ModelCIF file with pLDDT and N, C-alpha, C, O atoms, coordinates in Angstrom:
data_MODEL
#
_entry.id   MODEL 
#
_entity.id                         1 
_entity.type                       polymer 
_entity.pdbx_number_of_molecules   1 
#
_entity_poly.entity_id                      1 
_entity_poly.type                           'polypeptide(L)' 
_entity_poly.nstd_linkage                   no 
_entity_poly.nstd_monomer                   no 
_entity_poly.pdbx_seq_one_letter_code       PRLICGVHYLYFAFILFCLTATIAMGVSLCTSPIPEKHVSREEASYRK 
_entity_poly.pdbx_seq_one_letter_code_can   PRLICGVHYLYFAFILFCLTATIAMGVSLCTSPIPEKHVSREEASYRK 
_entity_poly.pdbx_strand_id                 A 
#
loop_
_entity_poly_seq.entity_id 
_entity_poly_seq.num 
_entity_poly_seq.mon_id 
_entity_poly_seq.hetero 
1 1  PRO n 
1 2  ARG n 
1 3  LEU n 
1 4  ILE n 
1 5  CYS n 
1 6  GLY n 
1 7  VAL n 
1 8  HIS n 
1 9  TYR n 
1 10 LEU n 
1 11 TYR n 
1 12 PHE n 
1 13 ALA n 
1 14 PHE n 
1 15 ILE n 
1 16 LEU n 
1 17 PHE n 
1 18 CYS n 
1 19 LEU n 
1 20 THR n 
1 21 ALA n 
1 22 THR n 
1 23 ILE n 
1 24 ALA n 
1 25 MET n 
1 26 GLY n 
1 27 VAL n 
1 28 SER n 
1 29 LEU n 
1 30 CYS n 
1 31 THR n 
1 32 SER n 
1 33 PRO n 
1 34 ILE n 
1 35 PRO n 
1 36 GLU n 
1 37 LYS n 
1 38 HIS n 
1 39 VAL n 
1 40 SER n 
1 41 ARG n 
1 42 GLU n 
1 43 GLU n 
1 44 ALA n 
1 45 SER n 
1 46 TYR n 
1 47 ARG n 
1 48 LYS n 
#
_struct_asym.id          A 
_struct_asym.entity_id   1 
#
loop_
_ma_qa_metric.id 
_ma_qa_metric.mode 
_ma_qa_metric.name 
_ma_qa_metric.software_group_id 
_ma_qa_metric.type 
1 global pLDDT . pLDDT 
2 local  pLDDT . pLDDT 
#
_ma_qa_metric_global.metric_id      1 
_ma_qa_metric_global.metric_value   80.98 
_ma_qa_metric_global.model_id       1 
_ma_qa_metric_global.ordinal_id     1 
#
loop_
_ma_qa_metric_local.label_asym_id 
_ma_qa_metric_local.label_comp_id 
_ma_qa_metric_local.label_seq_id 
_ma_qa_metric_local.metric_id 
_ma_qa_metric_local.metric_value 
_ma_qa_metric_local.model_id 
_ma_qa_metric_local.ordinal_id 
A PRO 1  2 87.00 1 1  
A ARG 2  2 86.00 1 2  
A LEU 3  2 85.00 1 3  
A ILE 4  2 86.00 1 4  
A CYS 5  2 87.00 1 5  
A GLY 6  2 87.00 1 6  
A VAL 7  2 91.00 1 7  
A HIS 8  2 92.00 1 8  
A TYR 9  2 92.00 1 9  
A LEU 10 2 93.00 1 10 
A TYR 11 2 95.00 1 11 
A PHE 12 2 95.00 1 12 
A ALA 13 2 95.00 1 13 
A PHE 14 2 96.00 1 14 
A ILE 15 2 96.00 1 15 
A LEU 16 2 97.00 1 16 
A PHE 17 2 97.00 1 17 
A CYS 18 2 97.00 1 18 
A LEU 19 2 97.00 1 19 
A THR 20 2 97.00 1 20 
A ALA 21 2 97.00 1 21 
A THR 22 2 97.00 1 22 
A ILE 23 2 97.00 1 23 
A ALA 24 2 96.00 1 24 
A MET 25 2 96.00 1 25 
A GLY 26 2 97.00 1 26 
A VAL 27 2 96.00 1 27 
A SER 28 2 96.00 1 28 
A LEU 29 2 96.00 1 29 
A CYS 30 2 95.00 1 30 
A THR 31 2 94.00 1 31 
A SER 32 2 91.00 1 32 
A PRO 33 2 90.00 1 33 
A ILE 34 2 84.00 1 34 
A PRO 35 2 77.00 1 35 
A GLU 36 2 70.00 1 36 
A LYS 37 2 58.00 1 37 
A HIS 38 2 55.00 1 38 
A VAL 39 2 59.00 1 39 
A SER 40 2 45.00 1 40 
A ARG 41 2 47.00 1 41 
A GLU 42 2 46.00 1 42 
A GLU 43 2 44.00 1 43 
A ALA 44 2 43.00 1 44 
A SER 45 2 44.00 1 45 
A TYR 46 2 41.00 1 46 
A ARG 47 2 43.00 1 47 
A LYS 48 2 45.00 1 48 
#
loop_
_atom_site.group_PDB 
_atom_site.id 
_atom_site.type_symbol 
_atom_site.label_atom_id 
_atom_site.label_alt_id 
_atom_site.label_comp_id 
_atom_site.label_asym_id 
_atom_site.label_entity_id 
_atom_site.label_seq_id 
_atom_site.pdbx_PDB_ins_code 
_atom_site.Cartn_x 
_atom_site.Cartn_y 
_atom_site.Cartn_z 
_atom_site.occupancy 
_atom_site.B_iso_or_equiv 
_atom_site.pdbx_formal_charge 
_atom_site.auth_seq_id 
_atom_site.auth_comp_id 
_atom_site.auth_asym_id 
_atom_site.auth_atom_id 
_atom_site.pdbx_PDB_model_num 
ATOM 1   N N  . PRO A 1 1  ? -57.864 -59.075 263.433 1.00 87.00 ? 1  PRO A N  1 
ATOM 2   C CA . PRO A 1 1  ? -59.345 -59.480 263.721 1.00 87.00 ? 1  PRO A CA 1 
ATOM 3   C C  . PRO A 1 1  ? -59.773 -60.417 262.775 1.00 87.00 ? 1  PRO A C  1 
ATOM 4   O O  . PRO A 1 1  ? -59.509 -60.248 261.585 1.00 87.00 ? 1  PRO A O  1 
ATOM 5   N N  . ARG A 1 2  ? -60.441 -61.441 263.192 1.00 86.00 ? 2  ARG A N  1 
ATOM 6   C CA . ARG A 1 2  ? -61.107 -62.365 262.250 1.00 86.00 ? 2  ARG A CA 1 
ATOM 7   C C  . ARG A 1 2  ? -61.943 -61.961 261.094 1.00 86.00 ? 2  ARG A C  1 
ATOM 8   O O  . ARG A 1 2  ? -61.919 -62.385 259.938 1.00 86.00 ? 2  ARG A O  1 
ATOM 9   N N  . LEU A 1 3  ? -62.828 -60.883 261.749 1.00 85.00 ? 3  LEU A N  1 
ATOM 10  C CA . LEU A 1 3  ? -63.887 -60.050 260.841 1.00 85.00 ? 3  LEU A CA 1 
ATOM 11  C C  . LEU A 1 3  ? -63.200 -59.407 259.810 1.00 85.00 ? 3  LEU A C  1 
ATOM 12  O O  . LEU A 1 3  ? -63.870 -59.146 258.810 1.00 85.00 ? 3  LEU A O  1 
ATOM 13  N N  . ILE A 1 4  ? -62.023 -59.091 259.817 1.00 86.00 ? 4  ILE A N  1 
ATOM 14  C CA . ILE A 1 4  ? -61.152 -58.429 258.679 1.00 86.00 ? 4  ILE A CA 1 
ATOM 15  C C  . ILE A 1 4  ? -60.364 -59.372 257.855 1.00 86.00 ? 4  ILE A C  1 
ATOM 16  O O  . ILE A 1 4  ? -60.486 -59.319 256.631 1.00 86.00 ? 4  ILE A O  1 
ATOM 17  N N  . CYS A 1 5  ? -59.537 -60.264 258.426 1.00 87.00 ? 5  CYS A N  1 
ATOM 18  C CA . CYS A 1 5  ? -58.603 -60.788 257.835 1.00 87.00 ? 5  CYS A CA 1 
ATOM 19  C C  . CYS A 1 5  ? -59.071 -62.574 257.950 1.00 87.00 ? 5  CYS A C  1 
ATOM 20  O O  . CYS A 1 5  ? -58.259 -63.434 257.610 1.00 87.00 ? 5  CYS A O  1 
ATOM 21  N N  . GLY A 1 6  ? -60.110 -62.846 258.336 1.00 87.00 ? 6  GLY A N  1 
ATOM 22  C CA . GLY A 1 6  ? -60.557 -64.320 258.367 1.00 87.00 ? 6  GLY A CA 1 
ATOM 23  C C  . GLY A 1 6  ? -61.058 -64.865 257.098 1.00 87.00 ? 6  GLY A C  1 
ATOM 24  O O  . GLY A 1 6  ? -61.204 -66.081 256.976 1.00 87.00 ? 6  GLY A O  1 
ATOM 25  N N  . VAL A 1 7  ? -61.315 -64.095 256.198 1.00 91.00 ? 7  VAL A N  1 
ATOM 26  C CA . VAL A 1 7  ? -61.815 -64.445 254.723 1.00 91.00 ? 7  VAL A CA 1 
ATOM 27  C C  . VAL A 1 7  ? -60.515 -64.808 253.974 1.00 91.00 ? 7  VAL A C  1 
ATOM 28  O O  . VAL A 1 7  ? -59.503 -64.107 253.937 1.00 91.00 ? 7  VAL A O  1 
ATOM 29  N N  . HIS A 1 8  ? -60.685 -65.940 253.417 1.00 92.00 ? 8  HIS A N  1 
ATOM 30  C CA . HIS A 1 8  ? -59.293 -66.230 252.322 1.00 92.00 ? 8  HIS A CA 1 
ATOM 31  C C  . HIS A 1 8  ? -59.194 -65.195 251.487 1.00 92.00 ? 8  HIS A C  1 
ATOM 32  O O  . HIS A 1 8  ? -60.182 -64.571 251.099 1.00 92.00 ? 8  HIS A O  1 
ATOM 33  N N  . TYR A 1 9  ? -57.877 -64.901 251.108 1.00 92.00 ? 9  TYR A N  1 
ATOM 34  C CA . TYR A 1 9  ? -57.831 -63.867 250.183 1.00 92.00 ? 9  TYR A CA 1 
ATOM 35  C C  . TYR A 1 9  ? -58.218 -64.148 248.837 1.00 92.00 ? 9  TYR A C  1 
ATOM 36  O O  . TYR A 1 9  ? -58.378 -63.159 248.122 1.00 92.00 ? 9  TYR A O  1 
ATOM 37  N N  . LEU A 1 10 ? -58.405 -65.268 248.330 1.00 93.00 ? 10 LEU A N  1 
ATOM 38  C CA . LEU A 1 10 ? -58.904 -65.500 246.928 1.00 93.00 ? 10 LEU A CA 1 
ATOM 39  C C  . LEU A 1 10 ? -60.563 -65.190 247.084 1.00 93.00 ? 10 LEU A C  1 
ATOM 40  O O  . LEU A 1 10 ? -61.144 -64.454 246.285 1.00 93.00 ? 10 LEU A O  1 
ATOM 41  N N  . TYR A 1 11 ? -61.112 -65.720 247.996 1.00 95.00 ? 11 TYR A N  1 
ATOM 42  C CA . TYR A 1 11 ? -62.571 -65.478 248.206 1.00 95.00 ? 11 TYR A CA 1 
ATOM 43  C C  . TYR A 1 11 ? -62.688 -63.760 248.396 1.00 95.00 ? 11 TYR A C  1 
ATOM 44  O O  . TYR A 1 11 ? -63.658 -63.185 247.901 1.00 95.00 ? 11 TYR A O  1 
ATOM 45  N N  . PHE A 1 12 ? -61.869 -63.159 248.976 1.00 95.00 ? 12 PHE A N  1 
ATOM 46  C CA . PHE A 1 12 ? -62.001 -61.762 249.210 1.00 95.00 ? 12 PHE A CA 1 
ATOM 47  C C  . PHE A 1 12 ? -61.795 -61.087 247.781 1.00 95.00 ? 12 PHE A C  1 
ATOM 48  O O  . PHE A 1 12 ? -62.360 -60.022 247.532 1.00 95.00 ? 12 PHE A O  1 
ATOM 49  N N  . ALA A 1 13 ? -60.990 -61.710 246.857 1.00 95.00 ? 13 ALA A N  1 
ATOM 50  C CA . ALA A 1 13 ? -60.751 -61.123 245.595 1.00 95.00 ? 13 ALA A CA 1 
ATOM 51  C C  . ALA A 1 13 ? -62.203 -61.128 244.809 1.00 95.00 ? 13 ALA A C  1 
ATOM 52  O O  . ALA A 1 13 ? -62.624 -60.161 244.174 1.00 95.00 ? 13 ALA A O  1 
ATOM 53  N N  . PHE A 1 14 ? -62.873 -62.349 244.958 1.00 96.00 ? 14 PHE A N  1 
ATOM 54  C CA . PHE A 1 14 ? -64.196 -62.290 244.123 1.00 96.00 ? 14 PHE A CA 1 
ATOM 55  C C  . PHE A 1 14 ? -65.106 -61.319 244.737 1.00 96.00 ? 14 PHE A C  1 
ATOM 56  O O  . PHE A 1 14 ? -65.744 -60.525 244.047 1.00 96.00 ? 14 PHE A O  1 
ATOM 57  N N  . ILE A 1 15 ? -65.189 -61.364 246.117 1.00 96.00 ? 15 ILE A N  1 
ATOM 58  C CA . ILE A 1 15 ? -66.100 -60.382 246.809 1.00 96.00 ? 15 ILE A CA 1 
ATOM 59  C C  . ILE A 1 15 ? -65.824 -58.913 246.268 1.00 96.00 ? 15 ILE A C  1 
ATOM 60  O O  . ILE A 1 15 ? -66.747 -58.202 245.872 1.00 96.00 ? 15 ILE A O  1 
ATOM 61  N N  . LEU A 1 16 ? -64.509 -58.503 246.277 1.00 97.00 ? 16 LEU A N  1 
ATOM 62  C CA . LEU A 1 16 ? -64.012 -57.175 245.966 1.00 97.00 ? 16 LEU A CA 1 
ATOM 63  C C  . LEU A 1 16 ? -64.632 -56.938 244.459 1.00 97.00 ? 16 LEU A C  1 
ATOM 64  O O  . LEU A 1 16 ? -65.341 -55.966 244.201 1.00 97.00 ? 16 LEU A O  1 
ATOM 65  N N  . PHE A 1 17 ? -64.282 -57.931 243.509 1.00 97.00 ? 17 PHE A N  1 
ATOM 66  C CA . PHE A 1 17 ? -64.736 -57.809 242.159 1.00 97.00 ? 17 PHE A CA 1 
ATOM 67  C C  . PHE A 1 17 ? -66.214 -57.464 241.915 1.00 97.00 ? 17 PHE A C  1 
ATOM 68  O O  . PHE A 1 17 ? -66.589 -56.647 241.074 1.00 97.00 ? 17 PHE A O  1 
ATOM 69  N N  . CYS A 1 18 ? -67.050 -58.194 242.765 1.00 97.00 ? 18 CYS A N  1 
ATOM 70  C CA . CYS A 1 18 ? -68.494 -57.918 242.744 1.00 97.00 ? 18 CYS A CA 1 
ATOM 71  C C  . CYS A 1 18 ? -68.885 -56.584 243.191 1.00 97.00 ? 18 CYS A C  1 
ATOM 72  O O  . CYS A 1 18 ? -69.717 -55.888 242.608 1.00 97.00 ? 18 CYS A O  1 
ATOM 73  N N  . LEU A 1 19 ? -68.204 -56.231 244.328 1.00 97.00 ? 19 LEU A N  1 
ATOM 74  C CA . LEU A 1 19 ? -68.606 -54.876 244.935 1.00 97.00 ? 19 LEU A CA 1 
ATOM 75  C C  . LEU A 1 19 ? -68.261 -53.827 244.149 1.00 97.00 ? 19 LEU A C  1 
ATOM 76  O O  . LEU A 1 19 ? -69.004 -52.849 244.062 1.00 97.00 ? 19 LEU A O  1 
ATOM 77  N N  . THR A 1 20 ? -67.028 -53.913 243.450 1.00 97.00 ? 20 THR A N  1 
ATOM 78  C CA . THR A 1 20 ? -66.610 -52.887 242.504 1.00 97.00 ? 20 THR A CA 1 
ATOM 79  C C  . THR A 1 20 ? -67.539 -52.658 241.333 1.00 97.00 ? 20 THR A C  1 
ATOM 80  O O  . THR A 1 20 ? -67.893 -51.535 240.975 1.00 97.00 ? 20 THR A O  1 
ATOM 81  N N  . ALA A 1 21 ? -67.937 -53.863 240.719 1.00 97.00 ? 21 ALA A N  1 
ATOM 82  C CA . ALA A 1 21 ? -69.051 -54.048 239.577 1.00 97.00 ? 21 ALA A CA 1 
ATOM 83  C C  . ALA A 1 21 ? -70.229 -53.340 240.137 1.00 97.00 ? 21 ALA A C  1 
ATOM 84  O O  . ALA A 1 21 ? -70.782 -52.485 239.445 1.00 97.00 ? 21 ALA A O  1 
ATOM 85  N N  . THR A 1 22 ? -70.654 -53.612 241.306 1.00 97.00 ? 22 THR A N  1 
ATOM 86  C CA . THR A 1 22 ? -71.915 -53.052 241.862 1.00 97.00 ? 22 THR A CA 1 
ATOM 87  C C  . THR A 1 22 ? -71.877 -51.581 241.841 1.00 97.00 ? 22 THR A C  1 
ATOM 88  O O  . THR A 1 22 ? -72.781 -50.946 241.299 1.00 97.00 ? 22 THR A O  1 
ATOM 89  N N  . ILE A 1 23 ? -70.758 -50.946 242.470 1.00 97.00 ? 23 ILE A N  1 
ATOM 90  C CA . ILE A 1 23 ? -70.547 -49.428 242.736 1.00 97.00 ? 23 ILE A CA 1 
ATOM 91  C C  . ILE A 1 23 ? -70.634 -48.960 241.249 1.00 97.00 ? 23 ILE A C  1 
ATOM 92  O O  . ILE A 1 23 ? -71.496 -48.127 240.972 1.00 97.00 ? 23 ILE A O  1 
ATOM 93  N N  . ALA A 1 24 ? -69.812 -49.429 240.277 1.00 96.00 ? 24 ALA A N  1 
ATOM 94  C CA . ALA A 1 24 ? -69.717 -48.847 238.946 1.00 96.00 ? 24 ALA A CA 1 
ATOM 95  C C  . ALA A 1 24 ? -71.091 -48.850 238.301 1.00 96.00 ? 24 ALA A C  1 
ATOM 96  O O  . ALA A 1 24 ? -71.570 -47.823 237.821 1.00 96.00 ? 24 ALA A O  1 
ATOM 97  N N  . MET A 1 25 ? -71.684 -49.952 238.297 1.00 96.00 ? 25 MET A N  1 
ATOM 98  C CA . MET A 1 25 ? -73.060 -49.939 237.693 1.00 96.00 ? 25 MET A CA 1 
ATOM 99  C C  . MET A 1 25 ? -73.980 -48.950 238.491 1.00 96.00 ? 25 MET A C  1 
ATOM 100 O O  . MET A 1 25 ? -74.668 -48.150 237.857 1.00 96.00 ? 25 MET A O  1 
ATOM 101 N N  . GLY A 1 26 ? -74.009 -48.975 239.661 1.00 97.00 ? 26 GLY A N  1 
ATOM 102 C CA . GLY A 1 26 ? -75.042 -48.004 240.220 1.00 97.00 ? 26 GLY A CA 1 
ATOM 103 C C  . GLY A 1 26 ? -74.721 -46.478 240.194 1.00 97.00 ? 26 GLY A C  1 
ATOM 104 O O  . GLY A 1 26 ? -75.637 -45.656 240.221 1.00 97.00 ? 26 GLY A O  1 
ATOM 105 N N  . VAL A 1 27 ? -73.555 -46.150 240.148 1.00 96.00 ? 27 VAL A N  1 
ATOM 106 C CA . VAL A 1 27 ? -73.079 -44.866 239.901 1.00 96.00 ? 27 VAL A CA 1 
ATOM 107 C C  . VAL A 1 27 ? -73.594 -44.464 238.309 1.00 96.00 ? 27 VAL A C  1 
ATOM 108 O O  . VAL A 1 27 ? -74.262 -43.473 238.013 1.00 96.00 ? 27 VAL A O  1 
ATOM 109 N N  . SER A 1 28 ? -73.160 -45.369 237.507 1.00 96.00 ? 28 SER A N  1 
ATOM 110 C CA . SER A 1 28 ? -73.465 -45.110 236.014 1.00 96.00 ? 28 SER A CA 1 
ATOM 111 C C  . SER A 1 28 ? -74.706 -44.893 235.885 1.00 96.00 ? 28 SER A C  1 
ATOM 112 O O  . SER A 1 28 ? -75.025 -43.897 235.236 1.00 96.00 ? 28 SER A O  1 
ATOM 113 N N  . LEU A 1 29 ? -75.682 -45.684 236.413 1.00 96.00 ? 29 LEU A N  1 
ATOM 114 C CA . LEU A 1 29 ? -77.188 -45.626 236.291 1.00 96.00 ? 29 LEU A CA 1 
ATOM 115 C C  . LEU A 1 29 ? -77.985 -44.457 236.992 1.00 96.00 ? 29 LEU A C  1 
ATOM 116 O O  . LEU A 1 29 ? -79.129 -44.091 236.720 1.00 96.00 ? 29 LEU A O  1 
ATOM 117 N N  . CYS A 1 30 ? -77.091 -43.925 238.000 1.00 95.00 ? 30 CYS A N  1 
ATOM 118 C CA . CYS A 1 30 ? -77.601 -42.631 238.546 1.00 95.00 ? 30 CYS A CA 1 
ATOM 119 C C  . CYS A 1 30 ? -77.121 -41.349 237.869 1.00 95.00 ? 30 CYS A C  1 
ATOM 120 O O  . CYS A 1 30 ? -77.531 -40.253 238.252 1.00 95.00 ? 30 CYS A O  1 
ATOM 121 N N  . THR A 1 31 ? -76.210 -41.489 236.814 1.00 94.00 ? 31 THR A N  1 
ATOM 122 C CA . THR A 1 31 ? -75.703 -40.394 236.106 1.00 94.00 ? 31 THR A CA 1 
ATOM 123 C C  . THR A 1 31 ? -76.019 -40.526 234.761 1.00 94.00 ? 31 THR A C  1 
ATOM 124 O O  . THR A 1 31 ? -76.695 -41.473 234.358 1.00 94.00 ? 31 THR A O  1 
ATOM 125 N N  . SER A 1 32 ? -75.519 -39.518 233.913 1.00 91.00 ? 32 SER A N  1 
ATOM 126 C CA . SER A 1 32 ? -75.932 -39.465 232.506 1.00 91.00 ? 32 SER A CA 1 
ATOM 127 C C  . SER A 1 32 ? -75.158 -40.421 231.563 1.00 91.00 ? 32 SER A C  1 
ATOM 128 O O  . SER A 1 32 ? -73.944 -40.469 231.756 1.00 91.00 ? 32 SER A O  1 
ATOM 129 N N  . PRO A 1 33 ? -75.644 -41.147 230.628 1.00 90.00 ? 33 PRO A N  1 
ATOM 130 C CA . PRO A 1 33 ? -74.829 -42.011 229.792 1.00 90.00 ? 33 PRO A CA 1 
ATOM 131 C C  . PRO A 1 33 ? -73.897 -41.191 229.033 1.00 90.00 ? 33 PRO A C  1 
ATOM 132 O O  . PRO A 1 33 ? -74.042 -39.987 228.821 1.00 90.00 ? 33 PRO A O  1 
ATOM 133 N N  . ILE A 1 34 ? -72.961 -41.894 228.651 1.00 84.00 ? 34 ILE A N  1 
ATOM 134 C CA . ILE A 1 34 ? -71.953 -41.259 227.577 1.00 84.00 ? 34 ILE A CA 1 
ATOM 135 C C  . ILE A 1 34 ? -72.656 -41.069 226.299 1.00 84.00 ? 34 ILE A C  1 
ATOM 136 O O  . ILE A 1 34 ? -73.419 -41.948 225.897 1.00 84.00 ? 34 ILE A O  1 
ATOM 137 N N  . PRO A 1 35 ? -72.461 -39.999 225.638 1.00 77.00 ? 35 PRO A N  1 
ATOM 138 C CA . PRO A 1 35 ? -73.264 -39.902 224.294 1.00 77.00 ? 35 PRO A CA 1 
ATOM 139 C C  . PRO A 1 35 ? -73.014 -40.962 223.298 1.00 77.00 ? 35 PRO A C  1 
ATOM 140 O O  . PRO A 1 35 ? -71.933 -41.546 223.222 1.00 77.00 ? 35 PRO A O  1 
ATOM 141 N N  . GLU A 1 36 ? -73.902 -41.172 222.631 1.00 70.00 ? 36 GLU A N  1 
ATOM 142 C CA . GLU A 1 36 ? -73.832 -42.415 221.726 1.00 70.00 ? 36 GLU A CA 1 
ATOM 143 C C  . GLU A 1 36 ? -72.615 -42.262 220.655 1.00 70.00 ? 36 GLU A C  1 
ATOM 144 O O  . GLU A 1 36 ? -72.014 -43.244 220.221 1.00 70.00 ? 36 GLU A O  1 
ATOM 145 N N  . LYS A 1 37 ? -72.318 -40.923 220.275 1.00 58.00 ? 37 LYS A N  1 
ATOM 146 C CA . LYS A 1 37 ? -71.189 -40.830 219.364 1.00 58.00 ? 37 LYS A CA 1 
ATOM 147 C C  . LYS A 1 37 ? -69.921 -41.136 219.853 1.00 58.00 ? 37 LYS A C  1 
ATOM 148 O O  . LYS A 1 37 ? -68.962 -41.397 219.126 1.00 58.00 ? 37 LYS A O  1 
ATOM 149 N N  . HIS A 1 38 ? -69.893 -41.107 221.218 1.00 55.00 ? 38 HIS A N  1 
ATOM 150 C CA . HIS A 1 38 ? -68.541 -41.363 221.789 1.00 55.00 ? 38 HIS A CA 1 
ATOM 151 C C  . HIS A 1 38 ? -68.236 -42.875 222.431 1.00 55.00 ? 38 HIS A C  1 
ATOM 152 O O  . HIS A 1 38 ? -67.165 -43.304 222.862 1.00 55.00 ? 38 HIS A O  1 
ATOM 153 N N  . VAL A 1 39 ? -69.547 -43.546 222.351 1.00 59.00 ? 39 VAL A N  1 
ATOM 154 C CA . VAL A 1 39 ? -69.514 -44.858 222.956 1.00 59.00 ? 39 VAL A CA 1 
ATOM 155 C C  . VAL A 1 39 ? -68.641 -45.751 222.136 1.00 59.00 ? 39 VAL A C  1 
ATOM 156 O O  . VAL A 1 39 ? -68.807 -45.735 220.916 1.00 59.00 ? 39 VAL A O  1 
ATOM 157 N N  . SER A 1 40 ? -67.617 -46.625 222.723 1.00 45.00 ? 40 SER A N  1 
ATOM 158 C CA . SER A 1 40 ? -66.984 -47.343 221.938 1.00 45.00 ? 40 SER A CA 1 
ATOM 159 C C  . SER A 1 40 ? -67.511 -48.718 221.338 1.00 45.00 ? 40 SER A C  1 
ATOM 160 O O  . SER A 1 40 ? -68.156 -49.578 221.938 1.00 45.00 ? 40 SER A O  1 
ATOM 161 N N  . ARG A 1 41 ? -67.107 -48.724 220.079 1.00 47.00 ? 41 ARG A N  1 
ATOM 162 C CA . ARG A 1 41 ? -67.594 -50.107 219.273 1.00 47.00 ? 41 ARG A CA 1 
ATOM 163 C C  . ARG A 1 41 ? -66.610 -51.167 219.297 1.00 47.00 ? 41 ARG A C  1 
ATOM 164 O O  . ARG A 1 41 ? -66.446 -51.776 218.240 1.00 47.00 ? 41 ARG A O  1 
ATOM 165 N N  . GLU A 1 42 ? -65.951 -51.488 220.268 1.00 46.00 ? 42 GLU A N  1 
ATOM 166 C CA . GLU A 1 42 ? -64.867 -52.330 220.233 1.00 46.00 ? 42 GLU A CA 1 
ATOM 167 C C  . GLU A 1 42 ? -65.419 -53.875 219.743 1.00 46.00 ? 42 GLU A C  1 
ATOM 168 O O  . GLU A 1 42 ? -64.903 -54.457 218.788 1.00 46.00 ? 42 GLU A O  1 
ATOM 169 N N  . GLU A 1 43 ? -66.377 -54.365 220.420 1.00 44.00 ? 43 GLU A N  1 
ATOM 170 C CA . GLU A 1 43 ? -66.965 -55.709 220.251 1.00 44.00 ? 43 GLU A CA 1 
ATOM 171 C C  . GLU A 1 43 ? -67.386 -55.861 218.762 1.00 44.00 ? 43 GLU A C  1 
ATOM 172 O O  . GLU A 1 43 ? -66.990 -56.740 217.997 1.00 44.00 ? 43 GLU A O  1 
ATOM 173 N N  . ALA A 1 44 ? -68.319 -54.782 218.460 1.00 43.00 ? 44 ALA A N  1 
ATOM 174 C CA . ALA A 1 44 ? -68.657 -55.030 217.008 1.00 43.00 ? 44 ALA A CA 1 
ATOM 175 C C  . ALA A 1 44 ? -67.422 -54.861 216.006 1.00 43.00 ? 44 ALA A C  1 
ATOM 176 O O  . ALA A 1 44 ? -67.280 -55.537 214.987 1.00 43.00 ? 44 ALA A O  1 
ATOM 177 N N  . SER A 1 45 ? -66.692 -54.027 216.372 1.00 44.00 ? 45 SER A N  1 
ATOM 178 C CA . SER A 1 45 ? -65.519 -53.708 215.532 1.00 44.00 ? 45 SER A CA 1 
ATOM 179 C C  . SER A 1 45 ? -64.681 -54.840 215.076 1.00 44.00 ? 45 SER A C  1 
ATOM 180 O O  . SER A 1 45 ? -64.435 -55.081 213.894 1.00 44.00 ? 45 SER A O  1 
ATOM 181 N N  . TYR A 1 46 ? -64.237 -55.555 216.150 1.00 41.00 ? 46 TYR A N  1 
ATOM 182 C CA . TYR A 1 46 ? -63.252 -56.733 216.063 1.00 41.00 ? 46 TYR A CA 1 
ATOM 183 C C  . TYR A 1 46 ? -64.033 -57.961 215.393 1.00 41.00 ? 46 TYR A C  1 
ATOM 184 O O  . TYR A 1 46 ? -63.552 -58.741 214.570 1.00 41.00 ? 46 TYR A O  1 
ATOM 185 N N  . ARG A 1 47 ? -65.322 -57.978 215.904 1.00 43.00 ? 47 ARG A N  1 
ATOM 186 C CA . ARG A 1 47 ? -66.104 -59.193 215.379 1.00 43.00 ? 47 ARG A CA 1 
ATOM 187 C C  . ARG A 1 47 ? -66.338 -59.114 213.759 1.00 43.00 ? 47 ARG A C  1 
ATOM 188 O O  . ARG A 1 47 ? -66.190 -60.094 213.029 1.00 43.00 ? 47 ARG A O  1 
ATOM 189 N N  . LYS A 1 48 ? -66.720 -57.827 213.302 1.00 45.00 ? 48 LYS A N  1 
ATOM 190 C CA . LYS A 1 48 ? -67.199 -57.444 212.145 1.00 45.00 ? 48 LYS A CA 1 
ATOM 191 C C  . LYS A 1 48 ? -66.129 -56.992 211.293 1.00 45.00 ? 48 LYS A C  1 
ATOM 192 O O  . LYS A 1 48 ? -66.373 -56.588 210.156 1.00 45.00 ? 48 LYS A O  1 
#
């Protein structure tokens, strides 16, 4: 069916990426954050 397979697979990859990010952010905002002492400091660590 065109509704399922009509979208080019590379367009579908971008749509799937956005939907996954939306689900992850939505569930995270509706649940408790990771305690500050456990949150990774990767960015600050490798830059500083």
